[in-house]
Amino acid sequence: MFSGGHHDDCRPARPRPRLLTGDRPTAPLHIGHYVGSLRTRVALQREYETFVLIADVQALTDNFEHPRKVRDNVLEVMLDYLAVGLDPAHVSFVLQSQVPELAELTMYFLNLVTVSHLRQNPTVKTEIAQKGYGEAVPAGFFVYPVSQAADITAFGATLVPVGDDQLPMIEQTHEIVRRFGHLYTPVLTEPQALVGRVPRLPGLDGRAKMSKSLGNAIFLSDSDDEVKRKVMSMYTDPAHRRAADPGTVEGNPVFAYLDAFDPDTARVQALKEHYSQGGLGDMTVKRHLVHVLEAVLAPIRERRADYAADPDGVRTTLRAGTRRGREVAAQTMHTVREAMSLTML
């Protein structure tokens, strides 16, 4: 099932461009992650030398009181990665805390960014408001975009699949790379962002984004009964009280999910028209969505169970990928130190 020494054997003579992406291990991954980034990673894993970072250090920026929660979810996230089809023969899974070069590069980058500029980062502003930090925001959380820039550049990534809410992070990385090149030597790579076909999936409650922390998500590891329960309780059009009434499709999460997951676009369009005209009940549309989601999630759930039966194999895969990731980060840091005249006297 697993392969530990795949990188040396499978690397082609001409180096592939590098792709970096990742997730914070604060909970298992959900279907918003799947359509926003995971599906893209799977599609590109053979075309790019792919690094998938499990950002446990970054997860501690707002979970510093619960380190065991972060640690325990590392394995859960790894199981999700493998279950959706990320292949250890093509992907290096890297545990952030085990690559100290990333922390070193973050420290250098912090000198290239102002507090006022970080304060204006739209993603950071939104998340600070969601968490209710006010002026008591932890410093680690406040500067995590700089940590993300270090992650991306340490691996020399040319492509970073992200949700659209993460685009300010990529722009922050561009600014840091340019400033580094202006002050020292232009040795770092500016990445390109790749937003998936479904850049953002709304939450079950109708909020703008599905989120682990908001409790409005369907997880890839949810049972079929749990998926059915969550779908049937989803927010729809509050004015659509009877099936005979015309309903609103725009902003209705049920139809957003069908757009994202149902391969039969003509059928989805027909459902939208029927719902808009009246005569189609919410429960009927939700039952159809349950069927569509089950077709996607059942094979993922089955593969996840297979990998979960061999946790030692999963850990071996993570260790092998982390070794490869540290090799690459160490090469980058050698170049960075030389550019900054930080080499040993």
C-alpha atoms as a PDB file:
ATOM      1  CA  MET A   1       0.000   0.000   0.000  1.00  0.00           C
ATOM      2  CA  PHE A   2       2.807   2.386   0.890  1.00  0.00           C
ATOM      3  CA  SER A   3       6.171   3.221  -0.591  1.00  0.00           C
ATOM      4  CA  GLY A   4       8.920   4.886   1.409  1.00  0.00           C
ATOM      5  CA  GLY A   5      11.726   5.246  -1.131  1.00  0.00           C
ATOM      6  CA  HIS A   6       9.749   6.416  -4.117  1.00  0.00           C
ATOM      7  CA  HIS A   7      11.358   9.771  -4.755  1.00  0.00           C
ATOM      8  CA  ASP A   8      14.800   8.702  -5.896  1.00  0.00           C
ATOM      9  CA  ASP A   9      13.441   5.926  -8.079  1.00  0.00           C
ATOM     10  CA  CYS A  10      10.626   7.846  -9.769  1.00  0.00           C
ATOM     11  CA  ARG A  11      12.152  11.275 -10.303  1.00  0.00           C
ATOM     12  CA  PRO A  12      12.518  11.989 -14.030  1.00  0.00           C
ATOM     13  CA  ALA A  13      15.776  13.205 -15.538  1.00  0.00           C
ATOM     14  CA  ARG A  14      14.310  16.672 -16.156  1.00  0.00           C
ATOM     15  CA  PRO A  15      13.048  18.157 -12.862  1.00  0.00           C
ATOM     16  CA  ARG A  16       9.338  18.816 -12.762  1.00  0.00           C
ATOM     17  CA  PRO A  17       8.067  22.205 -11.617  1.00  0.00           C
ATOM     18  CA  ARG A  18       7.057  22.208  -7.961  1.00  0.00           C
ATOM     19  CA  LEU A  19       3.620  22.513  -6.439  1.00  0.00           C
ATOM     20  CA  LEU A  20       2.998  23.257  -2.771  1.00  0.00           C
ATOM     21  CA  THR A  21      -0.246  23.214  -0.902  1.00  0.00           C
ATOM     22  CA  GLY A  22      -1.400  22.114   2.509  1.00  0.00           C
ATOM     23  CA  ASP A  23      -3.833  22.251   5.394  1.00  0.00           C
ATOM     24  CA  ARG A  24      -3.920  22.940   9.098  1.00  0.00           C
ATOM     25  CA  PRO A  25      -4.579  19.742  11.101  1.00  0.00           C
ATOM     26  CA  THR A  26      -7.309  21.104  13.347  1.00  0.00           C
ATOM     27  CA  ALA A  27      -9.962  18.613  12.204  1.00  0.00           C
ATOM     28  CA  PRO A  28     -10.510  16.105   9.393  1.00  0.00           C
ATOM     29  CA  LEU A  29     -10.954  17.671   5.946  1.00  0.00           C
ATOM     30  CA  HIS A  30     -14.358  18.471   4.469  1.00  0.00           C
ATOM     31  CA  ILE A  31     -15.979  18.597   1.054  1.00  0.00           C
ATOM     32  CA  GLY A  32     -15.123  22.284   0.729  1.00  0.00           C
ATOM     33  CA  HIS A  33     -11.448  21.305   0.822  1.00  0.00           C
ATOM     34  CA  TYR A  34     -12.172  18.626  -1.761  1.00  0.00           C
ATOM     35  CA  VAL A  35     -13.676  20.899  -4.415  1.00  0.00           C
ATOM     36  CA  GLY A  36     -11.506  23.875  -3.484  1.00  0.00           C
ATOM     37  CA  SER A  37      -8.088  22.237  -3.673  1.00  0.00           C
ATOM     38  CA  LEU A  38      -7.845  18.475  -3.110  1.00  0.00           C
ATOM     39  CA  ARG A  39      -9.371  17.569  -6.458  1.00  0.00           C
ATOM     40  CA  THR A  40      -6.868  19.861  -8.199  1.00  0.00           C
ATOM     41  CA  ARG A  41      -3.929  18.378  -6.296  1.00  0.00           C
ATOM     42  CA  VAL A  42      -4.884  14.877  -7.389  1.00  0.00           C
ATOM     43  CA  ALA A  43      -5.186  15.976 -11.016  1.00  0.00           C
ATOM     44  CA  LEU A  44      -1.745  17.656 -11.027  1.00  0.00           C
ATOM     45  CA  GLN A  45       0.305  15.288  -8.873  1.00  0.00           C
ATOM     46  CA  ARG A  46       2.019  13.573 -11.803  1.00  0.00           C
ATOM     47  CA  GLU A  47       2.693  16.799 -13.686  1.00  0.00           C
ATOM     48  CA  TYR A  48       4.365  18.548 -10.732  1.00  0.00           C
ATOM     49  CA  GLU A  49       6.753  17.540  -7.997  1.00  0.00           C
ATOM     50  CA  THR A  50       4.094  17.894  -5.335  1.00  0.00           C
ATOM     51  CA  PHE A  51       4.622  18.834  -1.704  1.00  0.00           C
ATOM     52  CA  VAL A  52       1.631  18.739   0.632  1.00  0.00           C
ATOM     53  CA  LEU A  53       2.326  20.460   3.926  1.00  0.00           C
ATOM     54  CA  ILE A  54       0.522  19.481   7.112  1.00  0.00           C
ATOM     55  CA  ALA A  55       0.804  22.863   8.812  1.00  0.00           C
ATOM     56  CA  ASP A  56       0.805  21.848  12.468  1.00  0.00           C
ATOM     57  CA  VAL A  57       2.902  24.846  13.549  1.00  0.00           C
ATOM     58  CA  GLN A  58       0.472  27.215  11.882  1.00  0.00           C
ATOM     59  CA  ALA A  59      -2.441  25.336  13.457  1.00  0.00           C
ATOM     60  CA  LEU A  60      -1.009  26.200  16.877  1.00  0.00           C
ATOM     61  CA  THR A  61      -1.362  29.936  16.189  1.00  0.00           C
ATOM     62  CA  ASP A  62      -5.007  29.710  17.249  1.00  0.00           C
ATOM     63  CA  ASN A  63      -4.924  26.307  18.963  1.00  0.00           C
ATOM     64  CA  PHE A  64      -1.907  26.863  21.229  1.00  0.00           C
ATOM     65  CA  GLU A  65      -3.945  25.757  24.248  1.00  0.00           C
ATOM     66  CA  HIS A  66      -4.787  22.432  22.586  1.00  0.00           C
ATOM     67  CA  PRO A  67      -1.608  20.962  21.085  1.00  0.00           C
ATOM     68  CA  ARG A  68      -2.861  17.391  21.491  1.00  0.00           C
ATOM     69  CA  LYS A  69      -5.848  18.225  19.272  1.00  0.00           C
ATOM     70  CA  VAL A  70      -3.447  19.363  16.550  1.00  0.00           C
ATOM     71  CA  ARG A  71      -1.217  16.313  16.953  1.00  0.00           C
ATOM     72  CA  ASP A  72      -4.138  13.884  16.873  1.00  0.00           C
ATOM     73  CA  ASN A  73      -5.510  15.417  13.679  1.00  0.00           C
ATOM     74  CA  VAL A  74      -2.244  14.981  11.756  1.00  0.00           C
ATOM     75  CA  LEU A  75      -3.125  11.349  11.133  1.00  0.00           C
ATOM     76  CA  GLU A  76      -6.743  12.238  10.301  1.00  0.00           C
ATOM     77  CA  VAL A  77      -5.621  14.704   7.631  1.00  0.00           C
ATOM     78  CA  MET A  78      -3.130  12.189   6.234  1.00  0.00           C
ATOM     79  CA  LEU A  79      -5.924   9.626   5.916  1.00  0.00           C
ATOM     80  CA  ASP A  80      -8.031  12.154   4.019  1.00  0.00           C
ATOM     81  CA  TYR A  81      -5.149  12.916   1.655  1.00  0.00           C
ATOM     82  CA  LEU A  82      -4.598   9.274   0.829  1.00  0.00           C
ATOM     83  CA  ALA A  83      -8.309   8.535   0.589  1.00  0.00           C
ATOM     84  CA  VAL A  84      -8.965  11.200  -2.068  1.00  0.00           C
ATOM     85  CA  GLY A  85      -6.202   9.789  -4.253  1.00  0.00           C
ATOM     86  CA  LEU A  86      -2.994  11.645  -3.421  1.00  0.00           C
ATOM     87  CA  ASP A  87      -0.362   9.034  -4.229  1.00  0.00           C
ATOM     88  CA  PRO A  88       2.832   8.654  -2.125  1.00  0.00           C
ATOM     89  CA  ALA A  89       4.620   7.655  -5.337  1.00  0.00           C
ATOM     90  CA  HIS A  90       4.145  11.229  -6.595  1.00  0.00           C
ATOM     91  CA  VAL A  91       3.551  13.334  -3.481  1.00  0.00           C
ATOM     92  CA  SER A  92       5.773  14.267  -0.530  1.00  0.00           C
ATOM     93  CA  PHE A  93       3.643  14.745   2.584  1.00  0.00           C
ATOM     94  CA  VAL A  94       5.572  17.075   4.917  1.00  0.00           C
ATOM     95  CA  LEU A  95       4.973  17.755   8.614  1.00  0.00           C
ATOM     96  CA  GLN A  96       5.716  21.448   9.120  1.00  0.00           C
ATOM     97  CA  SER A  97       7.058  21.193  12.684  1.00  0.00           C
ATOM     98  CA  GLN A  98       9.752  18.768  11.564  1.00  0.00           C
ATOM     99  CA  VAL A  99      11.279  21.205   9.066  1.00  0.00           C
ATOM    100  CA  PRO A 100      13.004  23.877  11.227  1.00  0.00           C
ATOM    101  CA  GLU A 101      14.246  25.676   8.117  1.00  0.00           C
ATOM    102  CA  LEU A 102      10.700  26.983   7.665  1.00  0.00           C
ATOM    103  CA  ALA A 103      10.827  28.772  11.033  1.00  0.00           C
ATOM    104  CA  GLU A 104      14.210  30.270  10.205  1.00  0.00           C
ATOM    105  CA  LEU A 105      12.990  31.635   6.876  1.00  0.00           C
ATOM    106  CA  THR A 106       9.864  33.024   8.567  1.00  0.00           C
ATOM    107  CA  MET A 107      12.065  35.031  10.935  1.00  0.00           C
ATOM    108  CA  TYR A 108      13.994  36.564   8.039  1.00  0.00           C
ATOM    109  CA  PHE A 109      10.778  37.389   6.181  1.00  0.00           C
ATOM    110  CA  LEU A 110       9.258  39.101   9.230  1.00  0.00           C
ATOM    111  CA  ASN A 111      11.795  41.878   8.773  1.00  0.00           C
ATOM    112  CA  LEU A 112      10.465  42.522   5.265  1.00  0.00           C
ATOM    113  CA  VAL A 113       6.827  43.113   6.268  1.00  0.00           C
ATOM    114  CA  THR A 114       5.269  45.954   8.253  1.00  0.00           C
ATOM    115  CA  VAL A 115       2.662  45.562  10.987  1.00  0.00           C
ATOM    116  CA  SER A 116       0.336  47.977   9.203  1.00  0.00           C
ATOM    117  CA  HIS A 117       0.515  45.924   6.007  1.00  0.00           C
ATOM    118  CA  LEU A 118      -0.287  42.691   7.862  1.00  0.00           C
ATOM    119  CA  ARG A 119      -3.180  44.436   9.587  1.00  0.00           C
ATOM    120  CA  GLN A 120      -4.717  45.183   6.180  1.00  0.00           C
ATOM    121  CA  ASN A 121      -4.568  41.569   4.927  1.00  0.00           C
ATOM    122  CA  PRO A 122      -8.236  40.789   4.074  1.00  0.00           C
ATOM    123  CA  THR A 123      -8.017  37.129   5.086  1.00  0.00           C
ATOM    124  CA  VAL A 124      -6.390  37.926   8.426  1.00  0.00           C
ATOM    125  CA  LYS A 125      -8.927  40.703   9.122  1.00  0.00           C
ATOM    126  CA  THR A 126     -11.822  38.360   8.422  1.00  0.00           C
ATOM    127  CA  GLU A 127     -10.460  35.556  10.596  1.00  0.00           C
ATOM    128  CA  ILE A 128      -9.637  37.910  13.474  1.00  0.00           C
ATOM    129  CA  ALA A 129     -13.243  39.135  13.383  1.00  0.00           C
ATOM    130  CA  GLN A 130     -14.629  35.583  13.196  1.00  0.00           C
ATOM    131  CA  LYS A 131     -12.605  34.525  16.226  1.00  0.00           C
ATOM    132  CA  GLY A 132     -13.475  37.658  18.190  1.00  0.00           C
ATOM    133  CA  TYR A 133      -9.856  38.463  19.054  1.00  0.00           C
ATOM    134  CA  GLY A 134     -10.177  42.235  18.855  1.00  0.00           C
ATOM    135  CA  GLU A 135      -6.888  43.732  20.036  1.00  0.00           C
ATOM    136  CA  ALA A 136      -5.959  40.503  21.853  1.00  0.00           C
ATOM    137  CA  VAL A 137      -4.954  38.668  18.679  1.00  0.00           C
ATOM    138  CA  PRO A 138      -1.986  36.320  19.324  1.00  0.00           C
ATOM    139  CA  ALA A 139       1.159  37.533  17.558  1.00  0.00           C
ATOM    140  CA  GLY A 140       1.682  34.121  15.981  1.00  0.00           C
ATOM    141  CA  PHE A 141      -1.759  34.235  14.403  1.00  0.00           C
ATOM    142  CA  PHE A 142      -1.258  37.812  13.240  1.00  0.00           C
ATOM    143  CA  VAL A 143       1.907  36.960  11.287  1.00  0.00           C
ATOM    144  CA  TYR A 144       0.900  33.595   9.862  1.00  0.00           C
ATOM    145  CA  PRO A 145       0.764  34.957   6.266  1.00  0.00           C
ATOM    146  CA  VAL A 146       4.531  35.438   6.575  1.00  0.00           C
ATOM    147  CA  SER A 147       4.874  31.818   7.659  1.00  0.00           C
ATOM    148  CA  GLN A 148       2.881  30.776   4.597  1.00  0.00           C
ATOM    149  CA  ALA A 149       5.209  32.803   2.376  1.00  0.00           C
ATOM    150  CA  ALA A 150       8.165  30.997   3.937  1.00  0.00           C
ATOM    151  CA  ASP A 151       6.547  27.622   3.315  1.00  0.00           C
ATOM    152  CA  ILE A 152       5.907  28.389  -0.347  1.00  0.00           C
ATOM    153  CA  THR A 153       9.330  29.817  -1.104  1.00  0.00           C
ATOM    154  CA  ALA A 154      11.292  27.254   0.914  1.00  0.00           C
ATOM    155  CA  PHE A 155       9.977  24.551  -1.405  1.00  0.00           C
ATOM    156  CA  GLY A 156      10.519  26.629  -4.536  1.00  0.00           C
ATOM    157  CA  ALA A 157       6.880  26.180  -5.493  1.00  0.00           C
ATOM    158  CA  THR A 158       5.821  27.653  -8.819  1.00  0.00           C
ATOM    159  CA  LEU A 159       2.162  26.696  -8.368  1.00  0.00           C
ATOM    160  CA  VAL A 160      -0.054  26.858  -5.254  1.00  0.00           C
ATOM    161  CA  PRO A 161      -3.651  25.549  -5.475  1.00  0.00           C
ATOM    162  CA  VAL A 162      -5.799  27.643  -3.117  1.00  0.00           C
ATOM    163  CA  GLY A 163      -9.324  28.740  -2.375  1.00  0.00           C
ATOM    164  CA  ASP A 164     -10.114  32.287  -3.430  1.00  0.00           C
ATOM    165  CA  ASP A 165      -9.993  33.461   0.193  1.00  0.00           C
ATOM    166  CA  GLN A 166      -6.273  32.641   0.218  1.00  0.00           C
ATOM    167  CA  LEU A 167      -5.344  34.845  -2.748  1.00  0.00           C
ATOM    168  CA  PRO A 168      -4.192  37.689  -0.436  1.00  0.00           C
ATOM    169  CA  MET A 169      -1.658  35.227   1.006  1.00  0.00           C
ATOM    170  CA  ILE A 170      -0.181  34.600  -2.426  1.00  0.00           C
ATOM    171  CA  GLU A 171       0.033  38.335  -3.085  1.00  0.00           C
ATOM    172  CA  GLN A 172       1.791  38.713   0.266  1.00  0.00           C
ATOM    173  CA  THR A 173       4.297  36.085  -0.863  1.00  0.00           C
ATOM    174  CA  HIS A 174       4.911  37.965  -4.127  1.00  0.00           C
ATOM    175  CA  GLU A 175       5.648  41.167  -2.196  1.00  0.00           C
ATOM    176  CA  ILE A 176       8.067  39.419   0.163  1.00  0.00           C
ATOM    177  CA  VAL A 177       9.909  37.687  -2.691  1.00  0.00           C
ATOM    178  CA  ARG A 178      10.270  40.978  -4.564  1.00  0.00           C
ATOM    179  CA  ARG A 179      11.495  42.838  -1.506  1.00  0.00           C
ATOM    180  CA  PHE A 180      13.970  40.071  -0.711  1.00  0.00           C
ATOM    181  CA  GLY A 181      15.294  40.209  -4.275  1.00  0.00           C
ATOM    182  CA  HIS A 182      15.589  44.007  -4.156  1.00  0.00           C
ATOM    183  CA  LEU A 183      17.467  44.036  -0.835  1.00  0.00           C
ATOM    184  CA  TYR A 184      19.648  40.992  -1.372  1.00  0.00           C
ATOM    185  CA  THR A 185      19.664  38.763  -4.462  1.00  0.00           C
ATOM    186  CA  PRO A 186      16.639  37.575  -6.509  1.00  0.00           C
ATOM    187  CA  VAL A 187      17.002  33.888  -5.675  1.00  0.00           C
ATOM    188  CA  LEU A 188      13.435  33.089  -4.577  1.00  0.00           C
ATOM    189  CA  THR A 189      10.541  31.993  -6.796  1.00  0.00           C
ATOM    190  CA  GLU A 190       7.282  33.896  -7.146  1.00  0.00           C
ATOM    191  CA  PRO A 191       4.428  31.365  -7.113  1.00  0.00           C
ATOM    192  CA  GLN A 192       1.322  31.344  -9.239  1.00  0.00           C
ATOM    193  CA  ALA A 193      -2.019  30.774  -7.502  1.00  0.00           C
ATOM    194  CA  LEU A 194      -4.415  28.234  -8.950  1.00  0.00           C
ATOM    195  CA  VAL A 195      -8.036  28.618  -7.850  1.00  0.00           C
ATOM    196  CA  GLY A 196     -10.214  25.544  -8.364  1.00  0.00           C
ATOM    197  CA  ARG A 197     -13.380  25.428 -10.450  1.00  0.00           C
ATOM    198  CA  VAL A 198     -15.338  25.840  -7.200  1.00  0.00           C
ATOM    199  CA  PRO A 199     -13.267  28.434  -5.321  1.00  0.00           C
ATOM    200  CA  ARG A 200     -15.507  28.495  -2.246  1.00  0.00           C
ATOM    201  CA  LEU A 201     -18.272  26.218  -0.989  1.00  0.00           C
ATOM    202  CA  PRO A 202     -20.860  27.770   1.341  1.00  0.00           C
ATOM    203  CA  GLY A 203     -21.540  26.256   4.728  1.00  0.00           C
ATOM    204  CA  LEU A 204     -24.537  24.103   5.597  1.00  0.00           C
ATOM    205  CA  ASP A 205     -25.960  27.112   7.438  1.00  0.00           C
ATOM    206  CA  GLY A 206     -25.789  29.357   4.374  1.00  0.00           C
ATOM    207  CA  ARG A 207     -22.721  31.254   5.542  1.00  0.00           C
ATOM    208  CA  ALA A 208     -20.232  32.377   2.915  1.00  0.00           C
ATOM    209  CA  LYS A 209     -17.735  29.603   3.594  1.00  0.00           C
ATOM    210  CA  MET A 210     -17.756  26.021   4.817  1.00  0.00           C
ATOM    211  CA  SER A 211     -15.416  25.903   7.796  1.00  0.00           C
ATOM    212  CA  LYS A 212     -14.211  23.385  10.338  1.00  0.00           C
ATOM    213  CA  SER A 213     -14.281  26.019  13.071  1.00  0.00           C
ATOM    214  CA  LEU A 214     -17.812  27.202  12.269  1.00  0.00           C
ATOM    215  CA  GLY A 215     -19.269  23.688  12.514  1.00  0.00           C
ATOM    216  CA  ASN A 216     -21.058  23.959   9.170  1.00  0.00           C
ATOM    217  CA  ALA A 217     -19.193  21.311   7.204  1.00  0.00           C
ATOM    218  CA  ILE A 218     -19.652  17.847   5.730  1.00  0.00           C
ATOM    219  CA  PHE A 219     -16.441  15.930   6.368  1.00  0.00           C
ATOM    220  CA  LEU A 220     -14.916  13.488   3.925  1.00  0.00           C
ATOM    221  CA  SER A 221     -14.930  10.933   6.753  1.00  0.00           C
ATOM    222  CA  ASP A 222     -18.623  11.380   7.651  1.00  0.00           C
ATOM    223  CA  SER A 223     -20.761   8.239   7.489  1.00  0.00           C
ATOM    224  CA  ASP A 224     -23.572   8.010   4.942  1.00  0.00           C
ATOM    225  CA  ASP A 225     -26.104   8.512   7.761  1.00  0.00           C
ATOM    226  CA  GLU A 226     -24.254  11.610   8.969  1.00  0.00           C
ATOM    227  CA  VAL A 227     -24.127  13.057   5.445  1.00  0.00           C
ATOM    228  CA  LYS A 228     -27.867  12.452   5.068  1.00  0.00           C
ATOM    229  CA  ARG A 229     -28.616  14.091   8.436  1.00  0.00           C
ATOM    230  CA  LYS A 230     -26.538  17.157   7.607  1.00  0.00           C
ATOM    231  CA  VAL A 231     -27.976  17.595   4.120  1.00  0.00           C
ATOM    232  CA  MET A 232     -31.554  17.269   5.356  1.00  0.00           C
ATOM    233  CA  SER A 233     -30.947  20.010   7.928  1.00  0.00           C
ATOM    234  CA  MET A 234     -29.309  22.393   5.436  1.00  0.00           C
ATOM    235  CA  TYR A 235     -30.297  26.006   5.073  1.00  0.00           C
ATOM    236  CA  THR A 236     -32.250  26.696   1.870  1.00  0.00           C
ATOM    237  CA  ASP A 237     -34.586  29.528   0.855  1.00  0.00           C
ATOM    238  CA  PRO A 238     -36.423  30.554   4.062  1.00  0.00           C
ATOM    239  CA  ALA A 239     -39.286  31.979   1.978  1.00  0.00           C
ATOM    240  CA  HIS A 240     -39.836  28.642   0.215  1.00  0.00           C
ATOM    241  CA  ARG A 241     -42.329  27.264   2.736  1.00  0.00           C
ATOM    242  CA  ARG A 242     -44.353  25.026   0.377  1.00  0.00           C
ATOM    243  CA  ALA A 243     -43.268  22.967  -2.608  1.00  0.00           C
ATOM    244  CA  ALA A 244     -45.746  24.844  -4.811  1.00  0.00           C
ATOM    245  CA  ASP A 245     -44.080  28.198  -4.063  1.00  0.00           C
ATOM    246  CA  PRO A 246     -41.340  29.542  -6.348  1.00  0.00           C
ATOM    247  CA  GLY A 247     -37.943  29.238  -4.666  1.00  0.00           C
ATOM    248  CA  THR A 248     -34.696  31.180  -4.900  1.00  0.00           C
ATOM    249  CA  VAL A 249     -31.690  29.360  -6.338  1.00  0.00           C
ATOM    250  CA  GLU A 250     -29.169  32.182  -5.907  1.00  0.00           C
ATOM    251  CA  GLY A 251     -27.419  31.852  -2.547  1.00  0.00           C
ATOM    252  CA  ASN A 252     -29.073  28.481  -1.869  1.00  0.00           C
ATOM    253  CA  PRO A 253     -26.346  26.098  -0.616  1.00  0.00           C
ATOM    254  CA  VAL A 254     -28.152  22.992  -1.895  1.00  0.00           C
ATOM    255  CA  PHE A 255     -27.788  24.178  -5.475  1.00  0.00           C
ATOM    256  CA  ALA A 256     -24.223  25.368  -4.872  1.00  0.00           C
ATOM    257  CA  TYR A 257     -23.374  21.808  -3.801  1.00  0.00           C
ATOM    258  CA  LEU A 258     -25.109  20.329  -6.835  1.00  0.00           C
ATOM    259  CA  ASP A 259     -23.115  22.666  -9.082  1.00  0.00           C
ATOM    260  CA  ALA A 260     -19.935  21.461  -7.404  1.00  0.00           C
ATOM    261  CA  PHE A 261     -20.604  17.726  -7.293  1.00  0.00           C
ATOM    262  CA  ASP A 262     -23.279  16.624  -9.778  1.00  0.00           C
ATOM    263  CA  PRO A 263     -21.612  15.754 -13.115  1.00  0.00           C
ATOM    264  CA  ASP A 264     -24.985  15.983 -14.894  1.00  0.00           C
ATOM    265  CA  THR A 265     -25.116  19.753 -15.444  1.00  0.00           C
ATOM    266  CA  ALA A 266     -28.269  19.516 -17.563  1.00  0.00           C
ATOM    267  CA  ARG A 267     -30.093  17.784 -14.703  1.00  0.00           C
ATOM    268  CA  VAL A 268     -28.944  20.463 -12.258  1.00  0.00           C
ATOM    269  CA  GLN A 269     -30.160  23.202 -14.575  1.00  0.00           C
ATOM    270  CA  ALA A 270     -33.543  21.504 -14.897  1.00  0.00           C
ATOM    271  CA  LEU A 271     -33.840  21.282 -11.105  1.00  0.00           C
ATOM    272  CA  LYS A 272     -32.997  24.973 -10.768  1.00  0.00           C
ATOM    273  CA  GLU A 273     -35.654  25.956 -13.282  1.00  0.00           C
ATOM    274  CA  HIS A 274     -38.276  23.732 -11.646  1.00  0.00           C
ATOM    275  CA  TYR A 275     -37.433  25.100  -8.179  1.00  0.00           C
ATOM    276  CA  SER A 276     -37.563  28.709  -9.416  1.00  0.00           C
ATOM    277  CA  GLN A 277     -40.959  28.184 -11.073  1.00  0.00           C
ATOM    278  CA  GLY A 278     -42.456  26.364  -8.097  1.00  0.00           C
ATOM    279  CA  GLY A 279     -43.577  22.785  -7.641  1.00  0.00           C
ATOM    280  CA  LEU A 280     -40.303  21.346  -6.349  1.00  0.00           C
ATOM    281  CA  GLY A 281     -39.858  20.820  -2.610  1.00  0.00           C
ATOM    282  CA  ASP A 282     -36.676  21.298  -0.639  1.00  0.00           C
ATOM    283  CA  MET A 283     -36.733  17.706   0.608  1.00  0.00           C
ATOM    284  CA  THR A 284     -36.818  16.358  -2.956  1.00  0.00           C
ATOM    285  CA  VAL A 285     -33.778  18.413  -3.955  1.00  0.00           C
ATOM    286  CA  LYS A 286     -31.961  17.460  -0.759  1.00  0.00           C
ATOM    287  CA  ARG A 287     -32.584  13.751  -1.320  1.00  0.00           C
ATOM    288  CA  HIS A 288     -31.048  14.125  -4.769  1.00  0.00           C
ATOM    289  CA  LEU A 289     -28.041  15.891  -3.246  1.00  0.00           C
ATOM    290  CA  VAL A 290     -27.585  13.048  -0.750  1.00  0.00           C
ATOM    291  CA  HIS A 291     -27.438  10.596  -3.675  1.00  0.00           C
ATOM    292  CA  VAL A 292     -24.903  12.769  -5.541  1.00  0.00           C
ATOM    293  CA  LEU A 293     -22.645  13.222  -2.504  1.00  0.00           C
ATOM    294  CA  GLU A 294     -22.757   9.531  -1.661  1.00  0.00           C
ATOM    295  CA  ALA A 295     -21.490   8.667  -5.152  1.00  0.00           C
ATOM    296  CA  VAL A 296     -18.458  10.887  -4.471  1.00  0.00           C
ATOM    297  CA  LEU A 297     -17.842  10.063  -0.812  1.00  0.00           C
ATOM    298  CA  ALA A 298     -18.460   6.292  -0.697  1.00  0.00           C
ATOM    299  CA  PRO A 299     -15.207   5.325  -2.501  1.00  0.00           C
ATOM    300  CA  ILE A 300     -13.270   7.926  -0.487  1.00  0.00           C
ATOM    301  CA  ARG A 301     -14.705   6.514   2.731  1.00  0.00           C
ATOM    302  CA  GLU A 302     -13.789   2.975   1.683  1.00  0.00           C
ATOM    303  CA  ARG A 303     -10.179   3.889   0.826  1.00  0.00           C
ATOM    304  CA  ARG A 304      -9.881   5.810   4.072  1.00  0.00           C
ATOM    305  CA  ALA A 305     -10.889   2.768   6.073  1.00  0.00           C
ATOM    306  CA  ASP A 306      -8.245   0.686   4.249  1.00  0.00           C
ATOM    307  CA  TYR A 307      -5.484   3.163   5.098  1.00  0.00           C
ATOM    308  CA  ALA A 308      -6.743   3.586   8.668  1.00  0.00           C
ATOM    309  CA  ALA A 309      -6.173  -0.129   9.185  1.00  0.00           C
ATOM    310  CA  ASP A 310      -2.418   0.475   8.715  1.00  0.00           C
ATOM    311  CA  PRO A 311      -1.541   3.595  10.754  1.00  0.00           C
ATOM    312  CA  ASP A 312       2.146   2.658  10.902  1.00  0.00           C
ATOM    313  CA  GLY A 313       2.232   2.672   7.115  1.00  0.00           C
ATOM    314  CA  VAL A 314       0.656   6.129   7.068  1.00  0.00           C
ATOM    315  CA  ARG A 315       3.256   7.424   9.524  1.00  0.00           C
ATOM    316  CA  THR A 316       6.081   5.894   7.455  1.00  0.00           C
ATOM    317  CA  THR A 317       4.790   7.710   4.387  1.00  0.00           C
ATOM    318  CA  LEU A 318       4.688  10.992   6.324  1.00  0.00           C
ATOM    319  CA  ARG A 319       8.216  10.515   7.629  1.00  0.00           C
ATOM    320  CA  ALA A 320       9.559   9.781   4.126  1.00  0.00           C
ATOM    321  CA  GLY A 321       7.878  12.851   2.669  1.00  0.00           C
ATOM    322  CA  THR A 322       9.100  15.040   5.526  1.00  0.00           C
ATOM    323  CA  ARG A 323      12.696  13.911   4.896  1.00  0.00           C
ATOM    324  CA  ARG A 324      12.368  14.891   1.246  1.00  0.00           C
ATOM    325  CA  GLY A 325      10.794  18.203   2.218  1.00  0.00           C
ATOM    326  CA  ARG A 326      13.597  19.015   4.601  1.00  0.00           C
ATOM    327  CA  GLU A 327      16.192  18.268   1.919  1.00  0.00           C
ATOM    328  CA  VAL A 328      14.570  20.805  -0.399  1.00  0.00           C
ATOM    329  CA  ALA A 329      14.105  23.426   2.345  1.00  0.00           C
ATOM    330  CA  ALA A 330      17.745  23.027   3.422  1.00  0.00           C
ATOM    331  CA  GLN A 331      18.915  23.671  -0.150  1.00  0.00           C
ATOM    332  CA  THR A 332      16.788  26.819  -0.285  1.00  0.00           C
ATOM    333  CA  MET A 333      18.097  28.057   3.066  1.00  0.00           C
ATOM    334  CA  HIS A 334      21.703  27.617   1.925  1.00  0.00           C
ATOM    335  CA  THR A 335      20.922  29.898  -1.010  1.00  0.00           C
ATOM    336  CA  VAL A 336      19.044  32.382   1.203  1.00  0.00           C
ATOM    337  CA  ARG A 337      21.877  32.621   3.735  1.00  0.00           C
ATOM    338  CA  GLU A 338      24.383  33.238   0.960  1.00  0.00           C
ATOM    339  CA  ALA A 339      22.170  35.960  -0.501  1.00  0.00           C
ATOM    340  CA  MET A 340      21.924  37.622   2.924  1.00  0.00           C
ATOM    341  CA  SER A 341      25.644  37.219   3.682  1.00  0.00           C
ATOM    342  CA  LEU A 342      24.816  34.959   6.639  1.00  0.00           C
ATOM    343  CA  THR A 343      27.264  32.222   5.730  1.00  0.00           C
ATOM    344  CA  MET A 344      29.805  31.044   8.291  1.00  0.00           C
ATOM    345  CA  LEU A 345      32.872  33.265   8.587  1.00  0.00           C
END
